[in-house]
Amino acid sequence: MKATFSLLVLLLPALALAGSPEKPSPIGKKIDNFKLRDYRGAERSLQDFSDHKIVVVAFVGTECPLAKLYGPRLAQLAKEFDSKGVAFVGIDANDRETPSAIGT
């Protein structure tokens, strides 16, 4: 009985995961137009990039350890794919960060 209970405890999470449908990936999902101000105060919209084939939207932050890791790679990709019609837009949602910190 104890072995059966242990096996059941181990299998229940696996069964729950196996039965749940996978969530669709957000990659490739189209998003609605939006307007935000850039770090200089100018209003920008997603529509500003309508002449590009693809727009990559990344959420970043100057204090975020993860963004610090992928930020340089995003900058490299932006340079590499600009001539191929790909735009990269970084959104910093932290209103406590200064424009000078964001612009560097």
PDB file of N, CA and C in Angstrom:
ATOM      1  N   MET A   1       0.831  -1.200   0.000  1.00  0.00           N
ATOM      2  CA  MET A   1       0.000   0.000   0.000  1.00  0.00           C
ATOM      3  C   MET A   1       0.866   1.252   0.000  1.00  0.00           C
ATOM      4  N   LYS A   2       1.945   1.242   0.815  1.00  0.00           N
ATOM      5  CA  LYS A   2       2.821   2.405   0.887  1.00  0.00           C
ATOM      6  C   LYS A   2       3.508   2.655  -0.453  1.00  0.00           C
ATOM      7  N   ALA A   3       3.922   1.590  -1.127  1.00  0.00           N
ATOM      8  CA  ALA A   3       4.570   1.720  -2.435  1.00  0.00           C
ATOM      9  C   ALA A   3       3.590   2.266  -3.467  1.00  0.00           C
ATOM     10  N   THR A   4       2.340   1.810  -3.412  1.00  0.00           N
ATOM     11  CA  THR A   4       1.319   2.298  -4.341  1.00  0.00           C
ATOM     12  C   THR A   4       1.055   3.784  -4.123  1.00  0.00           C
ATOM     13  N   PHE A   5       0.959   4.196  -2.851  1.00  0.00           N
ATOM     14  CA  PHE A   5       0.734   5.598  -2.540  1.00  0.00           C
ATOM     15  C   PHE A   5       1.895   6.461  -3.034  1.00  0.00           C
ATOM     16  N   SER A   6       3.144   5.992  -2.825  1.00  0.00           N
ATOM     17  CA  SER A   6       4.326   6.737  -3.278  1.00  0.00           C
ATOM     18  C   SER A   6       4.330   6.875  -4.790  1.00  0.00           C
ATOM     19  N   LEU A   7       3.997   5.796  -5.477  1.00  0.00           N
ATOM     20  CA  LEU A   7       3.946   5.836  -6.934  1.00  0.00           C
ATOM     21  C   LEU A   7       2.871   6.797  -7.416  1.00  0.00           C
ATOM     22  N   LEU A   8       1.724   6.787  -6.754  1.00  0.00           N
ATOM     23  CA  LEU A   8       0.631   7.682  -7.114  1.00  0.00           C
ATOM     24  C   LEU A   8       1.033   9.139  -6.911  1.00  0.00           C
ATOM     25  N   VAL A   9       1.735   9.434  -5.815  1.00  0.00           N
ATOM     26  CA  VAL A   9       2.191  10.794  -5.535  1.00  0.00           C
ATOM     27  C   VAL A   9       3.172  11.256  -6.603  1.00  0.00           C
ATOM     28  N   LEU A  10       4.000  10.353  -7.080  1.00  0.00           N
ATOM     29  CA  LEU A  10       4.966  10.711  -8.121  1.00  0.00           C
ATOM     30  C   LEU A  10       4.307  10.874  -9.489  1.00  0.00           C
ATOM     31  N   LEU A  11       3.279  10.092  -9.757  1.00  0.00           N
ATOM     32  CA  LEU A  11       2.648  10.131 -11.074  1.00  0.00           C
ATOM     33  C   LEU A  11       1.610  11.232 -11.240  1.00  0.00           C
ATOM     34  N   LEU A  12       0.987  11.677 -10.172  1.00  0.00           N
ATOM     35  CA  LEU A  12      -0.063  12.693 -10.301  1.00  0.00           C
ATOM     36  C   LEU A  12       0.417  13.975 -10.979  1.00  0.00           C
ATOM     37  N   PRO A  13       1.548  14.543 -10.570  1.00  0.00           N
ATOM     38  CA  PRO A  13       1.992  15.758 -11.283  1.00  0.00           C
ATOM     39  C   PRO A  13       2.275  15.501 -12.758  1.00  0.00           C
ATOM     40  N   ALA A  14       2.851  14.355 -13.071  1.00  0.00           N
ATOM     41  CA  ALA A  14       3.134  14.042 -14.476  1.00  0.00           C
ATOM     42  C   ALA A  14       1.848  13.911 -15.274  1.00  0.00           C
ATOM     43  N   LEU A  15       0.849  13.268 -14.685  1.00  0.00           N
ATOM     44  CA  LEU A  15      -0.435  13.124 -15.376  1.00  0.00           C
ATOM     45  C   LEU A  15      -1.115  14.471 -15.570  1.00  0.00           C
ATOM     46  N   ALA A  16      -1.006  15.329 -14.582  1.00  0.00           N
ATOM     47  CA  ALA A  16      -1.617  16.657 -14.698  1.00  0.00           C
ATOM     48  C   ALA A  16      -0.967  17.444 -15.827  1.00  0.00           C
ATOM     49  N   LEU A  17       0.347  17.349 -15.928  1.00  0.00           N
ATOM     50  CA  LEU A  17       1.050  18.062 -17.000  1.00  0.00           C
ATOM     51  C   LEU A  17       0.757  17.457 -18.361  1.00  0.00           C
ATOM     52  N   ALA A  18       0.683  16.136 -18.406  1.00  0.00           N
ATOM     53  CA  ALA A  18       0.431  15.465 -19.686  1.00  0.00           C
ATOM     54  C   ALA A  18      -0.950  15.791 -20.227  1.00  0.00           C
ATOM     55  N   GLY A  19      -1.917  16.002 -19.354  1.00  0.00           N
ATOM     56  CA  GLY A  19      -3.276  16.265 -19.791  1.00  0.00           C
ATOM     57  C   GLY A  19      -3.549  17.709 -20.145  1.00  0.00           C
ATOM     58  N   SER A  20      -2.661  18.617 -19.756  1.00  0.00           N
ATOM     59  CA  SER A  20      -2.911  20.035 -20.021  1.00  0.00           C
ATOM     60  C   SER A  20      -2.423  20.404 -21.416  1.00  0.00           C
ATOM     61  N   PRO A  21      -3.209  21.175 -22.151  1.00  0.00           N
ATOM     62  CA  PRO A  21      -2.781  21.581 -23.494  1.00  0.00           C
ATOM     63  C   PRO A  21      -1.641  22.584 -23.401  1.00  0.00           C
ATOM     64  N   GLU A  22      -0.747  22.514 -24.363  1.00  0.00           N
ATOM     65  CA  GLU A  22       0.375  23.450 -24.383  1.00  0.00           C
ATOM     66  C   GLU A  22      -0.123  24.849 -24.725  1.00  0.00           C
ATOM     67  N   LYS A  23       0.465  25.835 -24.064  1.00  0.00           N
ATOM     68  CA  LYS A  23       0.118  27.216 -24.372  1.00  0.00           C
ATOM     69  C   LYS A  23       0.844  27.623 -25.645  1.00  0.00           C
ATOM     70  N   PRO A  24       0.187  28.368 -26.509  1.00  0.00           N
ATOM     71  CA  PRO A  24       0.847  28.797 -27.744  1.00  0.00           C
ATOM     72  C   PRO A  24       1.975  29.779 -27.433  1.00  0.00           C
ATOM     73  N   SER A  25       2.993  29.731 -28.227  1.00  0.00           N
ATOM     74  CA  SER A  25       4.138  30.619 -28.056  1.00  0.00           C
ATOM     75  C   SER A  25       3.768  32.047 -28.451  1.00  0.00           C
ATOM     76  N   PRO A  26       4.261  33.047 -27.713  1.00  0.00           N
ATOM     77  CA  PRO A  26       3.996  34.428 -28.115  1.00  0.00           C
ATOM     78  C   PRO A  26       4.848  34.867 -29.303  1.00  0.00           C
ATOM     79  N   ILE A  27       5.832  34.058 -29.676  1.00  0.00           N
ATOM     80  CA  ILE A  27       6.695  34.404 -30.803  1.00  0.00           C
ATOM     81  C   ILE A  27       5.863  34.368 -32.077  1.00  0.00           C
ATOM     82  N   GLY A  28       5.929  35.435 -32.828  1.00  0.00           N
ATOM     83  CA  GLY A  28       5.179  35.537 -34.068  1.00  0.00           C
ATOM     84  C   GLY A  28       3.775  36.090 -33.908  1.00  0.00           C
ATOM     85  N   LYS A  29       3.376  36.330 -32.675  1.00  0.00           N
ATOM     86  CA  LYS A  29       2.041  36.863 -32.425  1.00  0.00           C
ATOM     87  C   LYS A  29       1.992  38.335 -32.826  1.00  0.00           C
ATOM     88  N   LYS A  30       0.951  38.722 -33.515  1.00  0.00           N
ATOM     89  CA  LYS A  30       0.776  40.124 -33.884  1.00  0.00           C
ATOM     90  C   LYS A  30       0.173  40.872 -32.709  1.00  0.00           C
ATOM     91  N   ILE A  31       0.674  42.067 -32.476  1.00  0.00           N
ATOM     92  CA  ILE A  31       0.157  42.884 -31.380  1.00  0.00           C
ATOM     93  C   ILE A  31      -0.443  44.166 -31.942  1.00  0.00           C
ATOM     94  N   ASP A  32      -1.374  44.732 -31.202  1.00  0.00           N
ATOM     95  CA  ASP A  32      -2.032  45.961 -31.622  1.00  0.00           C
ATOM     96  C   ASP A  32      -1.071  47.139 -31.552  1.00  0.00           C
ATOM     97  N   ASN A  33      -1.371  48.163 -32.319  1.00  0.00           N
ATOM     98  CA  ASN A  33      -0.577  49.375 -32.285  1.00  0.00           C
ATOM     99  C   ASN A  33      -0.619  49.984 -30.880  1.00  0.00           C
ATOM    100  N   PHE A  34       0.471  50.601 -30.488  1.00  0.00           N
ATOM    101  CA  PHE A  34       0.520  51.297 -29.205  1.00  0.00           C
ATOM    102  C   PHE A  34       1.387  52.536 -29.354  1.00  0.00           C
ATOM    103  N   LYS A  35       1.206  53.472 -28.447  1.00  0.00           N
ATOM    104  CA  LYS A  35       2.005  54.697 -28.425  1.00  0.00           C
ATOM    105  C   LYS A  35       2.643  54.838 -27.059  1.00  0.00           C
ATOM    106  N   LEU A  36       3.931  55.165 -27.071  1.00  0.00           N
ATOM    107  CA  LEU A  36       4.697  55.408 -25.846  1.00  0.00           C
ATOM    108  C   LEU A  36       5.682  56.538 -26.110  1.00  0.00           C
ATOM    109  N   ARG A  37       6.202  57.109 -25.069  1.00  0.00           N
ATOM    110  CA  ARG A  37       7.235  58.137 -25.212  1.00  0.00           C
ATOM    111  C   ARG A  37       8.607  57.485 -25.077  1.00  0.00           C
ATOM    112  N   ASP A  38       9.534  57.919 -25.932  1.00  0.00           N
ATOM    113  CA  ASP A  38      10.890  57.388 -25.818  1.00  0.00           C
ATOM    114  C   ASP A  38      11.638  58.126 -24.708  1.00  0.00           C
ATOM    115  N   TYR A  39      12.874  57.758 -24.477  1.00  0.00           N
ATOM    116  CA  TYR A  39      13.620  58.334 -23.357  1.00  0.00           C
ATOM    117  C   TYR A  39      13.914  59.815 -23.542  1.00  0.00           C
ATOM    118  N   ARG A  40      13.722  60.331 -24.762  1.00  0.00           N
ATOM    119  CA  ARG A  40      13.898  61.771 -25.000  1.00  0.00           C
ATOM    120  C   ARG A  40      12.578  62.529 -24.865  1.00  0.00           C
ATOM    121  N   GLY A  41      11.457  61.789 -24.701  1.00  0.00           N
ATOM    122  CA  GLY A  41      10.147  62.414 -24.556  1.00  0.00           C
ATOM    123  C   GLY A  41       9.326  62.456 -25.821  1.00  0.00           C
ATOM    124  N   ALA A  42       9.886  61.987 -26.940  1.00  0.00           N
ATOM    125  CA  ALA A  42       9.158  61.976 -28.210  1.00  0.00           C
ATOM    126  C   ALA A  42       8.174  60.801 -28.236  1.00  0.00           C
ATOM    127  N   GLU A  43       6.981  61.054 -28.771  1.00  0.00           N
ATOM    128  CA  GLU A  43       5.993  59.992 -28.865  1.00  0.00           C
ATOM    129  C   GLU A  43       6.324  59.068 -30.031  1.00  0.00           C
ATOM    130  N   ARG A  44       6.303  57.782 -29.752  1.00  0.00           N
ATOM    131  CA  ARG A  44       6.566  56.751 -30.765  1.00  0.00           C
ATOM    132  C   ARG A  44       5.400  55.769 -30.764  1.00  0.00           C
ATOM    133  N   SER A  45       5.163  55.159 -31.908  1.00  0.00           N
ATOM    134  CA  SER A  45       4.121  54.141 -31.977  1.00  0.00           C
ATOM    135  C   SER A  45       4.663  52.940 -32.744  1.00  0.00           C
ATOM    136  N   LEU A  46       4.021  51.828 -32.569  1.00  0.00           N
ATOM    137  CA  LEU A  46       4.409  50.638 -33.306  1.00  0.00           C
ATOM    138  C   LEU A  46       4.213  50.876 -34.799  1.00  0.00           C
ATOM    139  N   GLN A  47       3.229  51.679 -35.137  1.00  0.00           N
ATOM    140  CA  GLN A  47       2.945  52.005 -36.536  1.00  0.00           C
ATOM    141  C   GLN A  47       4.140  52.708 -37.203  1.00  0.00           C
ATOM    142  N   ASP A  48       4.992  53.366 -36.418  1.00  0.00           N
ATOM    143  CA  ASP A  48       6.187  54.025 -36.968  1.00  0.00           C
ATOM    144  C   ASP A  48       7.105  53.038 -37.683  1.00  0.00           C
ATOM    145  N   PHE A  49       6.971  51.760 -37.381  1.00  0.00           N
ATOM    146  CA  PHE A  49       7.842  50.737 -37.943  1.00  0.00           C
ATOM    147  C   PHE A  49       7.132  49.897 -39.005  1.00  0.00           C
ATOM    148  N   SER A  50       6.054  50.432 -39.561  1.00  0.00           N
ATOM    149  CA  SER A  50       5.247  49.672 -40.531  1.00  0.00           C
ATOM    150  C   SER A  50       6.005  49.361 -41.819  1.00  0.00           C
ATOM    151  N   ASP A  51       7.089  50.070 -42.086  1.00  0.00           N
ATOM    152  CA  ASP A  51       7.872  49.800 -43.283  1.00  0.00           C
ATOM    153  C   ASP A  51       8.841  48.630 -43.091  1.00  0.00           C
ATOM    154  N   HIS A  52       8.889  48.060 -41.912  1.00  0.00           N
ATOM    155  CA  HIS A  52       9.744  46.911 -41.635  1.00  0.00           C
ATOM    156  C   HIS A  52       8.964  45.613 -41.808  1.00  0.00           C
ATOM    157  N   LYS A  53       9.668  44.563 -42.186  1.00  0.00           N
ATOM    158  CA  LYS A  53       9.042  43.256 -42.339  1.00  0.00           C
ATOM    159  C   LYS A  53       8.674  42.662 -40.983  1.00  0.00           C
ATOM    160  N   ILE A  54       9.551  42.846 -40.019  1.00  0.00           N
ATOM    161  CA  ILE A  54       9.378  42.274 -38.685  1.00  0.00           C
ATOM    162  C   ILE A  54       9.780  43.319 -37.651  1.00  0.00           C
ATOM    163  N   VAL A  55       9.042  43.371 -36.552  1.00  0.00           N
ATOM    164  CA  VAL A  55       9.402  44.226 -35.424  1.00  0.00           C
ATOM    165  C   VAL A  55       9.545  43.328 -34.201  1.00  0.00           C
ATOM    166  N   VAL A  56      10.716  43.356 -33.610  1.00  0.00           N
ATOM    167  CA  VAL A  56      10.977  42.596 -32.393  1.00  0.00           C
ATOM    168  C   VAL A  56      10.751  43.544 -31.217  1.00  0.00           C
ATOM    169  N   VAL A  57       9.856  43.183 -30.317  1.00  0.00           N
ATOM    170  CA  VAL A  57       9.566  43.993 -29.142  1.00  0.00           C
ATOM    171  C   VAL A  57      10.140  43.267 -27.931  1.00  0.00           C
ATOM    172  N   ALA A  58      11.066  43.935 -27.237  1.00  0.00           N
ATOM    173  CA  ALA A  58      11.709  43.337 -26.063  1.00  0.00           C
ATOM    174  C   ALA A  58      11.512  44.258 -24.865  1.00  0.00           C
ATOM    175  N   PHE A  59      11.201  43.683 -23.740  1.00  0.00           N
ATOM    176  CA  PHE A  59      11.057  44.452 -22.512  1.00  0.00           C
ATOM    177  C   PHE A  59      12.395  44.418 -21.789  1.00  0.00           C
ATOM    178  N   VAL A  60      12.904  45.609 -21.496  1.00  0.00           N
ATOM    179  CA  VAL A  60      14.242  45.749 -20.918  1.00  0.00           C
ATOM    180  C   VAL A  60      14.186  46.637 -19.677  1.00  0.00           C
ATOM    181  N   GLY A  61      15.293  46.696 -18.985  1.00  0.00           N
ATOM    182  CA  GLY A  61      15.422  47.570 -17.825  1.00  0.00           C
ATOM    183  C   GLY A  61      16.890  47.706 -17.476  1.00  0.00           C
ATOM    184  N   THR A  62      17.296  48.891 -17.087  1.00  0.00           N
ATOM    185  CA  THR A  62      18.706  49.115 -16.795  1.00  0.00           C
ATOM    186  C   THR A  62      19.168  48.395 -15.539  1.00  0.00           C
ATOM    187  N   GLU A  63      18.252  48.060 -14.662  1.00  0.00           N
ATOM    188  CA  GLU A  63      18.600  47.363 -13.428  1.00  0.00           C
ATOM    189  C   GLU A  63      18.289  45.862 -13.481  1.00  0.00           C
ATOM    190  N   CYS A  64      17.698  45.396 -14.543  1.00  0.00           N
ATOM    191  CA  CYS A  64      17.307  43.991 -14.656  1.00  0.00           C
ATOM    192  C   CYS A  64      18.520  43.132 -15.028  1.00  0.00           C
ATOM    193  N   PRO A  65      18.878  42.163 -14.186  1.00  0.00           N
ATOM    194  CA  PRO A  65      20.042  41.321 -14.497  1.00  0.00           C
ATOM    195  C   PRO A  65      19.876  40.539 -15.802  1.00  0.00           C
ATOM    196  N   LEU A  66      18.682  40.089 -16.072  1.00  0.00           N
ATOM    197  CA  LEU A  66      18.453  39.337 -17.304  1.00  0.00           C
ATOM    198  C   LEU A  66      18.580  40.242 -18.531  1.00  0.00           C
ATOM    199  N   ALA A  67      18.003  41.429 -18.460  1.00  0.00           N
ATOM    200  CA  ALA A  67      18.103  42.375 -19.580  1.00  0.00           C
ATOM    201  C   ALA A  67      19.550  42.801 -19.804  1.00  0.00           C
ATOM    202  N   LYS A  68      20.318  42.890 -18.740  1.00  0.00           N
ATOM    203  CA  LYS A  68      21.740  43.219 -18.888  1.00  0.00           C
ATOM    204  C   LYS A  68      22.467  42.135 -19.671  1.00  0.00           C
ATOM    205  N   LEU A  69      22.017  40.894 -19.515  1.00  0.00           N
ATOM    206  CA  LEU A  69      22.633  39.794 -20.249  1.00  0.00           C
ATOM    207  C   LEU A  69      22.231  39.777 -21.716  1.00  0.00           C
ATOM    208  N   TYR A  70      20.940  39.975 -22.003  1.00  0.00           N
ATOM    209  CA  TYR A  70      20.523  39.868 -23.400  1.00  0.00           C
ATOM    210  C   TYR A  70      20.537  41.203 -24.135  1.00  0.00           C
ATOM    211  N   GLY A  71      20.694  42.323 -23.459  1.00  0.00           N
ATOM    212  CA  GLY A  71      20.723  43.628 -24.112  1.00  0.00           C
ATOM    213  C   GLY A  71      21.797  43.762 -25.176  1.00  0.00           C
ATOM    214  N   PRO A  72      23.048  43.430 -24.861  1.00  0.00           N
ATOM    215  CA  PRO A  72      24.094  43.528 -25.886  1.00  0.00           C
ATOM    216  C   PRO A  72      23.825  42.634 -27.103  1.00  0.00           C
ATOM    217  N   ARG A  73      23.252  41.469 -26.859  1.00  0.00           N
ATOM    218  CA  ARG A  73      22.942  40.571 -27.975  1.00  0.00           C
ATOM    219  C   ARG A  73      21.827  41.154 -28.845  1.00  0.00           C
ATOM    220  N   LEU A  74      20.827  41.781 -28.223  1.00  0.00           N
ATOM    221  CA  LEU A  74      19.775  42.442 -28.996  1.00  0.00           C
ATOM    222  C   LEU A  74      20.348  43.569 -29.843  1.00  0.00           C
ATOM    223  N   ALA A  75      21.273  44.326 -29.278  1.00  0.00           N
ATOM    224  CA  ALA A  75      21.906  45.419 -30.043  1.00  0.00           C
ATOM    225  C   ALA A  75      22.677  44.868 -31.241  1.00  0.00           C
ATOM    226  N   GLN A  76      23.364  43.761 -31.027  1.00  0.00           N
ATOM    227  CA  GLN A  76      24.106  43.115 -32.115  1.00  0.00           C
ATOM    228  C   GLN A  76      23.152  42.616 -33.201  1.00  0.00           C
ATOM    229  N   LEU A  77      22.062  41.987 -32.793  1.00  0.00           N
ATOM    230  CA  LEU A  77      21.075  41.501 -33.758  1.00  0.00           C
ATOM    231  C   LEU A  77      20.416  42.649 -34.514  1.00  0.00           C
ATOM    232  N   ALA A  78      20.172  43.763 -33.826  1.00  0.00           N
ATOM    233  CA  ALA A  78      19.568  44.926 -34.477  1.00  0.00           C
ATOM    234  C   ALA A  78      20.459  45.437 -35.599  1.00  0.00           C
ATOM    235  N   LYS A  79      21.757  45.507 -35.360  1.00  0.00           N
ATOM    236  CA  LYS A  79      22.692  45.944 -36.407  1.00  0.00           C
ATOM    237  C   LYS A  79      22.734  44.942 -37.555  1.00  0.00           C
ATOM    238  N   GLU A  80      22.750  43.670 -37.195  1.00  0.00           N
ATOM    239  CA  GLU A  80      22.869  42.610 -38.198  1.00  0.00           C
ATOM    240  C   GLU A  80      21.643  42.515 -39.111  1.00  0.00           C
ATOM    241  N   PHE A  81      20.446  42.726 -38.556  1.00  0.00           N
ATOM    242  CA  PHE A  81      19.225  42.506 -39.319  1.00  0.00           C
ATOM    243  C   PHE A  81      18.537  43.783 -39.792  1.00  0.00           C
ATOM    244  N   ASP A  82      19.089  44.937 -39.502  1.00  0.00           N
ATOM    245  CA  ASP A  82      18.488  46.195 -39.954  1.00  0.00           C
ATOM    246  C   ASP A  82      18.361  46.232 -41.478  1.00  0.00           C
ATOM    247  N   SER A  83      19.392  45.812 -42.169  1.00  0.00           N
ATOM    248  CA  SER A  83      19.362  45.843 -43.641  1.00  0.00           C
ATOM    249  C   SER A  83      18.381  44.826 -44.223  1.00  0.00           C
ATOM    250  N   LYS A  84      17.903  43.899 -43.389  1.00  0.00           N
ATOM    251  CA  LYS A  84      16.955  42.881 -43.843  1.00  0.00           C
ATOM    252  C   LYS A  84      15.523  43.226 -43.466  1.00  0.00           C
ATOM    253  N   GLY A  85      15.315  44.462 -42.978  1.00  0.00           N
ATOM    254  CA  GLY A  85      13.963  44.922 -42.684  1.00  0.00           C
ATOM    255  C   GLY A  85      13.432  44.541 -41.319  1.00  0.00           C
ATOM    256  N   VAL A  86      14.335  44.271 -40.368  1.00  0.00           N
ATOM    257  CA  VAL A  86      13.913  43.905 -39.016  1.00  0.00           C
ATOM    258  C   VAL A  86      14.222  45.057 -38.071  1.00  0.00           C
ATOM    259  N   ALA A  87      13.216  45.504 -37.342  1.00  0.00           N
ATOM    260  CA  ALA A  87      13.392  46.573 -36.354  1.00  0.00           C
ATOM    261  C   ALA A  87      13.328  45.973 -34.953  1.00  0.00           C
ATOM    262  N   PHE A  88      14.101  46.531 -34.052  1.00  0.00           N
ATOM    263  CA  PHE A  88      14.094  46.104 -32.655  1.00  0.00           C
ATOM    264  C   PHE A  88      13.638  47.274 -31.802  1.00  0.00           C
ATOM    265  N   VAL A  89      12.625  47.031 -30.967  1.00  0.00           N
ATOM    266  CA  VAL A  89      12.083  48.058 -30.082  1.00  0.00           C
ATOM    267  C   VAL A  89      12.224  47.560 -28.654  1.00  0.00           C
ATOM    268  N   GLY A  90      12.900  48.358 -27.829  1.00  0.00           N
ATOM    269  CA  GLY A  90      13.038  48.014 -26.422  1.00  0.00           C
ATOM    270  C   GLY A  90      12.085  48.862 -25.597  1.00  0.00           C
ATOM    271  N   ILE A  91      11.344  48.230 -24.712  1.00  0.00           N
ATOM    272  CA  ILE A  91      10.407  48.943 -23.848  1.00  0.00           C
ATOM    273  C   ILE A  91      10.875  48.804 -22.411  1.00  0.00           C
ATOM    274  N   ASP A  92      11.158  49.928 -21.782  1.00  0.00           N
ATOM    275  CA  ASP A  92      11.538  49.951 -20.369  1.00  0.00           C
ATOM    276  C   ASP A  92      10.341  50.470 -19.589  1.00  0.00           C
ATOM    277  N   ALA A  93       9.687  49.592 -18.879  1.00  0.00           N
ATOM    278  CA  ALA A  93       8.464  49.957 -18.164  1.00  0.00           C
ATOM    279  C   ALA A  93       8.725  50.492 -16.761  1.00  0.00           C
ATOM    280  N   ASN A  94       9.976  50.619 -16.373  1.00  0.00           N
ATOM    281  CA  ASN A  94      10.314  51.111 -15.039  1.00  0.00           C
ATOM    282  C   ASN A  94      10.369  52.630 -15.072  1.00  0.00           C
ATOM    283  N   ASP A  95       9.361  53.288 -14.526  1.00  0.00           N
ATOM    284  CA  ASP A  95       9.303  54.755 -14.575  1.00  0.00           C
ATOM    285  C   ASP A  95      10.291  55.418 -13.620  1.00  0.00           C
ATOM    286  N   ARG A  96      10.987  54.646 -12.811  1.00  0.00           N
ATOM    287  CA  ARG A  96      11.985  55.223 -11.898  1.00  0.00           C
ATOM    288  C   ARG A  96      13.345  55.378 -12.549  1.00  0.00           C
ATOM    289  N   GLU A  97      13.539  54.800 -13.705  1.00  0.00           N
ATOM    290  CA  GLU A  97      14.824  54.887 -14.377  1.00  0.00           C
ATOM    291  C   GLU A  97      14.937  56.214 -15.129  1.00  0.00           C
ATOM    292  N   THR A  98      16.082  56.829 -15.023  1.00  0.00           N
ATOM    293  CA  THR A  98      16.288  58.149 -15.617  1.00  0.00           C
ATOM    294  C   THR A  98      16.510  58.049 -17.118  1.00  0.00           C
ATOM    295  N   PRO A  99      16.169  59.101 -17.849  1.00  0.00           N
ATOM    296  CA  PRO A  99      16.439  59.096 -19.290  1.00  0.00           C
ATOM    297  C   PRO A  99      17.913  58.886 -19.624  1.00  0.00           C
ATOM    298  N   SER A 100      18.807  59.418 -18.813  1.00  0.00           N
ATOM    299  CA  SER A 100      20.230  59.230 -19.103  1.00  0.00           C
ATOM    300  C   SER A 100      20.649  57.769 -18.911  1.00  0.00           C
ATOM    301  N   ALA A 101      20.055  57.064 -17.944  1.00  0.00           N
ATOM    302  CA  ALA A 101      20.375  55.660 -17.742  1.00  0.00           C
ATOM    303  C   ALA A 101      19.836  54.815 -18.889  1.00  0.00           C
ATOM    304  N   ILE A 102      18.682  55.173 -19.396  1.00  0.00           N
ATOM    305  CA  ILE A 102      18.062  54.421 -20.489  1.00  0.00           C
ATOM    306  C   ILE A 102      18.797  54.678 -21.806  1.00  0.00           C
ATOM    307  N   GLY A 103      19.240  55.882 -22.040  1.00  0.00           N
ATOM    308  CA  GLY A 103      19.846  56.268 -23.306  1.00  0.00           C
ATOM    309  C   GLY A 103      21.268  55.767 -23.504  1.00  0.00           C
ATOM    310  N   THR A 104      21.844  55.196 -22.486  1.00  0.00           N
ATOM    311  CA  THR A 104      23.232  54.737 -22.643  1.00  0.00           C
ATOM    312  C   THR A 104      23.320  53.312 -23.095  1.00  0.00           C
TER     313      THR A 104
END
